[in-house]
Protein backbone atom coordinates (compact mmCIF):
# COMPACT_ATOMS: atom_id res chain seq x y z
CA UNK A 1 162.98 -74.13 63.47
CA UNK A 2 161.33 -74.06 60.19
CA UNK A 3 163.32 -75.08 57.27
CA UNK A 4 164.02 -72.68 54.55
CA UNK A 5 162.35 -73.53 51.31
CA UNK A 6 164.58 -73.68 48.27
CA UNK A 7 163.84 -71.30 45.44
CA UNK A 8 162.67 -72.84 42.18
CA UNK A 9 164.87 -72.25 39.21
CA UNK A 10 162.84 -70.76 36.30
CA UNK A 11 163.91 -70.92 32.67
CA UNK A 12 163.58 -67.55 30.69
CA UNK A 13 162.50 -67.83 27.05
CA UNK A 14 163.21 -64.23 26.05
CA UNK A 15 166.63 -64.85 24.51
CA UNK A 16 165.22 -67.60 22.33
CA UNK A 17 162.40 -65.45 21.13
CA UNK A 18 164.80 -62.68 20.29
CA UNK A 19 166.90 -65.02 18.26
CA UNK A 20 163.79 -66.36 16.51
CA UNK A 21 162.57 -62.87 15.66
CA UNK A 22 165.91 -61.96 14.20
CA UNK A 23 165.95 -65.09 12.06
CA UNK A 24 162.44 -64.36 10.78
CA UNK A 25 163.42 -60.82 9.92
CA UNK A 26 166.46 -61.98 7.99
CA UNK A 27 164.36 -64.48 6.08
CA UNK A 28 161.83 -61.75 5.14
CA UNK A 29 164.67 -59.52 3.97
CA UNK A 30 166.16 -62.32 1.88
CA UNK A 31 162.80 -63.20 0.32
CA UNK A 32 162.08 -59.55 -0.49
CA UNK A 33 165.45 -59.18 -2.16
CA UNK A 34 164.85 -62.29 -4.21
CA UNK A 35 161.38 -61.11 -5.28
CA UNK A 36 162.63 -57.67 -6.22
CA UNK A 37 165.33 -59.17 -8.34
CA UNK A 38 162.77 -61.28 -10.17
CA UNK A 39 160.37 -58.30 -10.87
CA UNK A 40 160.75 -56.32 -14.17
CA UNK A 41 161.34 -52.68 -13.14
CA UNK A 42 160.77 -51.44 -16.73
CA UNK A 43 157.16 -52.58 -16.68
CA UNK A 44 156.48 -50.84 -13.40
CA UNK A 45 158.00 -47.64 -14.71
CA UNK A 46 155.95 -47.97 -17.88
CA UNK A 47 152.78 -48.49 -15.85
CA UNK A 48 153.52 -45.38 -13.82
CA UNK A 49 154.16 -43.45 -17.02
CA UNK A 50 150.90 -44.71 -18.53
CA UNK A 51 148.98 -43.59 -15.48
CA UNK A 52 150.57 -40.14 -15.71
CA UNK A 53 149.74 -39.95 -19.44
CA UNK A 54 146.14 -41.03 -18.77
CA UNK A 55 145.75 -38.38 -16.08
CA UNK A 56 147.19 -35.71 -18.37
CA UNK A 57 144.91 -36.90 -21.19
CA UNK A 58 141.87 -36.53 -18.97
CA UNK A 59 142.97 -33.02 -18.06
CA UNK A 60 143.48 -32.20 -21.74
CA UNK A 61 140.05 -33.60 -22.60
CA UNK A 62 138.45 -31.45 -19.88
CA UNK A 63 140.27 -28.41 -21.21
CA UNK A 64 139.02 -29.26 -24.73
CA UNK A 65 135.44 -29.54 -23.44
CA UNK A 66 135.77 -26.15 -21.74
CA UNK A 67 137.13 -24.66 -24.97
CA UNK A 68 134.23 -26.15 -26.93
CA UNK A 69 131.73 -24.54 -24.52
CA UNK A 70 133.49 -21.20 -24.86
CA UNK A 71 133.51 -21.57 -28.63
CA UNK A 72 129.78 -22.31 -28.64
CA UNK A 73 129.05 -19.19 -26.59
CA UNK A 74 131.26 -17.12 -28.87
CA UNK A 75 129.37 -18.41 -31.91
CA UNK A 76 126.02 -17.47 -30.32
CA UNK A 77 127.32 -14.01 -29.44
CA UNK A 78 128.64 -13.69 -32.96
CA UNK A 79 125.23 -14.56 -34.45
CA UNK A 80 123.52 -11.98 -32.24
CA UNK A 81 126.11 -9.38 -33.16
CA UNK A 82 125.66 -10.23 -36.82
CA UNK A 83 121.88 -9.62 -36.46
CA UNK A 84 122.44 -6.19 -34.93
CA UNK A 85 125.02 -5.42 -37.57
CA UNK A 86 122.60 -6.43 -40.34
CA UNK A 87 119.84 -4.25 -38.82
CA UNK A 88 122.22 -1.30 -38.55
CA UNK A 89 123.29 -1.88 -42.16
CA UNK A 90 119.63 -1.88 -43.27
CA UNK A 91 118.96 1.38 -41.41
CA UNK A 92 122.05 2.91 -42.95
CA UNK A 93 120.94 1.84 -46.41
CA UNK A 94 117.45 3.31 -45.78
CA UNK A 95 118.99 6.59 -44.60
CA UNK A 96 121.20 6.75 -47.69
CA UNK A 97 118.18 6.09 -49.92
CA UNK A 98 116.18 8.86 -48.19
CA UNK A 99 119.14 11.20 -48.58
CA UNK A 100 119.32 10.47 -52.31
CA UNK A 101 115.58 11.09 -52.70
CA UNK A 102 115.86 14.37 -50.78
CA UNK A 103 118.69 15.50 -53.01
CA UNK A 104 116.61 14.59 -56.05
CA UNK A 105 113.62 16.62 -54.79
CA UNK A 106 115.95 19.51 -54.02
CA UNK A 107 117.13 19.52 -57.60
CA UNK A 108 113.48 19.70 -58.77
CA UNK A 109 112.73 22.85 -56.71
CA UNK A 110 112.67 25.90 -58.96
CA UNK A 111 115.10 28.68 -58.10
CA UNK A 112 113.75 31.53 -55.94
CA UNK A 113 112.38 34.54 -57.80
CA UNK A 114 114.54 37.61 -58.02
CA UNK A 115 114.01 40.25 -55.32
CA UNK A 116 111.33 42.83 -56.16
CA UNK A 117 112.43 46.15 -57.51
CA UNK A 118 111.09 49.56 -56.44
CA UNK A 119 108.18 49.38 -58.85
CA UNK A 120 107.10 45.98 -57.57
CA UNK A 121 107.40 47.17 -53.96
CA UNK A 122 105.21 50.20 -54.63
CA UNK A 123 102.62 48.06 -56.40
CA UNK A 124 102.63 45.60 -53.50
CA UNK A 125 102.05 48.38 -50.93
CA UNK A 126 99.23 49.73 -53.08
CA UNK A 127 97.59 46.31 -53.18
CA UNK A 128 97.92 45.96 -49.40
CA UNK A 129 96.25 49.34 -48.84
CA UNK A 130 93.41 48.37 -51.17
CA UNK A 131 92.95 45.08 -49.32
CA UNK A 132 92.87 46.87 -45.95
CA UNK A 133 90.26 49.33 -47.25
CA UNK A 134 88.14 46.48 -48.56
CA UNK A 135 88.37 44.67 -45.21
CA UNK A 136 87.42 47.84 -43.31
CA UNK A 137 84.44 48.39 -45.63
CA UNK A 138 83.35 44.78 -45.12
CA UNK A 139 83.49 45.24 -41.36
CA UNK A 140 81.37 48.42 -41.60
CA UNK A 141 78.81 46.62 -43.75
CA UNK A 142 78.74 43.66 -41.34
CA UNK A 143 78.21 46.05 -38.42
CA UNK A 144 75.30 47.70 -40.24
CA UNK A 145 73.77 44.32 -41.03
CA UNK A 146 74.14 43.26 -37.38
CA UNK A 147 72.46 46.51 -36.25
CA UNK A 148 69.60 45.96 -38.66
CA UNK A 149 69.17 42.39 -37.41
CA UNK A 150 68.85 43.58 -33.83
CA UNK A 151 65.36 43.87 -32.51
CA UNK A 152 64.51 47.56 -32.21
CA UNK A 153 63.83 48.87 -28.75
CA UNK A 154 60.13 49.20 -28.16
CA UNK A 155 58.72 52.20 -26.35
CA UNK A 156 55.33 52.96 -24.88
CA UNK A 157 54.36 56.63 -24.69
CA UNK A 158 52.04 57.72 -21.90
CA UNK A 159 50.41 61.15 -22.32
CA UNK A 160 49.06 63.30 -19.51
CA UNK A 161 48.81 66.69 -21.15
CA UNK A 162 45.88 68.07 -19.10
CA UNK A 163 47.87 68.23 -15.86
CA UNK A 164 44.87 68.99 -13.62
CA UNK A 165 42.92 71.35 -15.85
CA UNK A 166 39.23 70.74 -16.54
CA UNK A 167 38.75 68.71 -13.38
CA UNK A 168 41.05 65.87 -14.43
CA UNK A 169 43.44 64.70 -11.74
CA UNK A 170 47.14 64.59 -12.47
CA UNK A 171 48.35 60.99 -12.73
CA UNK A 172 51.21 59.64 -10.65
CA UNK A 173 52.37 56.61 -12.67
CA UNK A 174 53.45 53.34 -11.04
CA UNK A 175 54.63 50.45 -13.25
CA UNK A 176 53.52 46.97 -12.18
CA UNK A 177 55.82 44.09 -13.22
CA UNK A 178 55.89 40.43 -12.29
CA UNK A 179 57.50 40.89 -8.88
CA UNK A 180 57.83 44.64 -8.35
CA UNK A 181 56.13 48.00 -8.53
CA UNK A 182 58.20 50.88 -9.89
CA UNK A 183 57.52 54.50 -9.03
CA UNK A 184 58.16 56.44 -12.26
CA UNK A 185 59.64 59.96 -12.14
CA UNK A 186 57.47 62.76 -13.56
CA UNK A 187 57.18 66.52 -13.73
CA UNK A 188 54.95 66.71 -10.65
CA UNK A 189 56.32 66.67 -7.12
CA UNK A 190 58.37 63.47 -7.57
CA UNK A 191 61.73 65.10 -6.85
CA UNK A 192 60.43 67.01 -3.82
CA UNK A 193 58.62 63.94 -2.53
CA UNK A 194 61.44 61.39 -2.83
CA UNK A 195 64.56 63.59 -3.10
CA UNK A 196 65.50 61.77 -6.30
CA UNK A 197 64.80 61.79 -10.03
CA UNK A 198 65.41 58.06 -10.47
CA UNK A 199 62.76 55.31 -10.56
CA UNK A 200 62.13 53.58 -7.24
CA UNK A 201 61.67 49.80 -7.44
CA UNK A 202 59.72 48.20 -4.59
CA UNK A 203 59.34 44.40 -4.22
CA UNK A 204 55.68 43.52 -4.02
CA UNK A 205 56.30 41.50 -0.85
CA UNK A 206 57.46 44.69 0.90
CA UNK A 207 54.97 47.14 -0.61
CA UNK A 208 52.67 47.23 2.44
CA UNK A 209 55.47 48.43 4.71
CA UNK A 210 57.54 50.39 2.22
CA UNK A 211 58.00 54.02 3.25
CA UNK A 212 58.16 55.37 -0.31
CA UNK A 213 54.87 53.74 -1.31
CA UNK A 214 53.22 54.90 1.92
CA UNK A 215 54.52 58.43 1.27
CA UNK A 216 52.98 58.33 -2.20
CA UNK A 217 49.58 57.25 -0.80
CA UNK A 218 49.71 60.04 1.77
CA UNK A 219 50.61 62.56 -0.93
CA UNK A 220 47.72 61.56 -3.22
CA UNK A 221 45.33 61.57 -0.27
CA UNK A 222 46.25 65.01 1.08
CA UNK A 223 47.42 67.06 -1.89
CA UNK A 224 44.76 69.65 -2.89
CA UNK A 225 44.51 71.68 -6.05
CA UNK A 226 45.07 75.40 -5.87
CA UNK A 227 43.14 76.55 -8.96
CA UNK A 228 40.48 75.33 -11.38
CA UNK A 229 37.70 72.85 -10.78
CA UNK A 230 39.83 70.84 -8.35
CA UNK A 231 40.61 73.80 -6.13
CA UNK A 232 40.70 72.60 -2.54
CA UNK A 233 40.04 69.06 -3.73
CA UNK A 234 42.39 66.17 -4.44
CA UNK A 235 44.09 66.85 -7.73
CA UNK A 236 46.32 63.74 -8.09
CA UNK A 237 45.69 60.03 -8.58
CA UNK A 238 47.88 56.91 -8.75
CA UNK A 239 47.72 55.25 -12.17
CA UNK A 240 49.02 51.69 -12.18
CA UNK A 241 50.52 50.70 -15.55
CA UNK A 242 50.10 46.93 -15.55
CA UNK A 243 52.42 44.71 -17.58
CA UNK A 244 50.95 41.45 -18.95
CA UNK A 245 52.97 39.42 -16.45
CA UNK A 246 52.11 41.77 -13.55
CA UNK A 247 48.40 41.02 -13.14
CA UNK A 248 48.83 39.08 -9.91
CA UNK A 249 51.17 41.75 -8.58
CA UNK A 250 48.54 44.40 -9.28
CA UNK A 251 45.95 42.46 -7.33
CA UNK A 252 48.23 42.36 -4.32
CA UNK A 253 49.01 46.08 -4.59
CA UNK A 254 45.32 46.92 -5.08
CA UNK A 255 44.49 45.16 -1.82
CA UNK A 256 47.06 47.34 -0.07
CA UNK A 257 45.49 50.47 -1.59
CA UNK A 258 41.98 49.29 -0.65
CA UNK A 259 43.06 48.80 2.96
CA UNK A 260 44.55 52.29 2.97
CA UNK A 261 41.31 53.76 1.55
CA UNK A 262 39.27 51.87 4.15
CA UNK A 263 41.47 53.29 6.86
CA UNK A 264 40.93 56.85 5.51
CA UNK A 265 37.32 56.34 4.47
CA UNK A 266 36.04 59.57 6.07
CA UNK A 267 38.30 61.69 3.84
CA UNK A 268 37.31 59.90 0.64
CA UNK A 269 33.49 59.72 0.93
CA UNK A 270 31.76 61.64 -1.87
CA UNK A 271 28.26 60.20 -1.53
CA UNK A 272 26.02 57.44 -0.21
CA UNK A 273 24.26 54.62 -2.00
CA UNK A 274 20.55 53.89 -1.36
CA UNK A 275 21.60 50.98 0.81
CA UNK A 276 23.65 53.34 2.94
CA UNK A 277 27.05 52.20 1.63
CA UNK A 278 29.50 55.07 1.17
CA UNK A 279 30.81 56.03 -2.27
CA UNK A 280 34.58 56.60 -2.08
CA UNK A 281 36.69 58.75 -4.34
CA UNK A 282 39.32 56.19 -5.36
CA UNK A 283 43.00 56.97 -4.91
CA UNK A 284 44.10 54.84 -7.86
CA UNK A 285 43.28 53.63 -11.32
CA UNK A 286 44.89 51.25 -13.81
CA UNK A 287 45.87 50.99 -17.45
CA UNK A 288 47.27 47.95 -19.27
CA UNK A 289 50.70 48.09 -20.89
CA UNK A 290 50.94 46.04 -24.10
CA UNK A 291 54.33 44.54 -24.96
CA UNK A 292 57.62 44.99 -23.21
CA UNK A 293 58.69 48.45 -24.40
CA UNK A 294 60.23 51.21 -22.35
CA UNK A 295 57.77 53.69 -20.86
CA UNK A 296 58.04 57.30 -22.06
CA UNK A 297 56.04 59.89 -20.14
CA UNK A 298 55.05 62.78 -22.46
């Protein structure tokens, strides 16, 4: 049988260590008490007090610096306010000076005249009436002067007293202007022919196809006299009154008349030339119109 082994006896050091720790703690406590007894508690308290005073001093100094900044700003604001106040005071002084000057000028103004009496009022009304009459007379004189300065209307009288007697054909007047031909009313058959007593203006560009001008050509071609030397013969003729600026217009109109005569040559032949060319009895004639006056048919 195996023999039982004996257990080894071990020594525990924990109790010793506990005792050692307690001793060390007591020694620390004793040393601390001795040190504290040797330290001057008044100095420590004084040091703490000095630190508190220093901290309070720093706070006071910071407060002083803040107050100085505020004071500086207040001084600047005060200077600015003083400038505005000075400017306002100057303006007030200027206004007071202007007021004094105005009062002085007011004292220099003479007093108003007394109100007019009845005699003065009557004299004043009389003067006003005279002035109005003078003004009216001036206006009448100015109107007369203006009328005299106006260019008088020019007129051109055209006489055709014979009216078909003695073998002279009655003229049917047509005014020739720069761009138109104007059929002029007369005492012949104008009203019966055109159903109007007003002048008829025809643009030269439309003369060849214009019904009124064609009707006039037909009338002059076919109308025969009833008595005298022109009995049973044509007794009318177109007389073109040519303005200075209407020369070219007349040439155009004359070509139209020539074409119409050529078309009705058989009715207009009055003789033959030696070369065999027919001699036509013209349907129209012309007369120049000097100036720019209005045409009067007498």
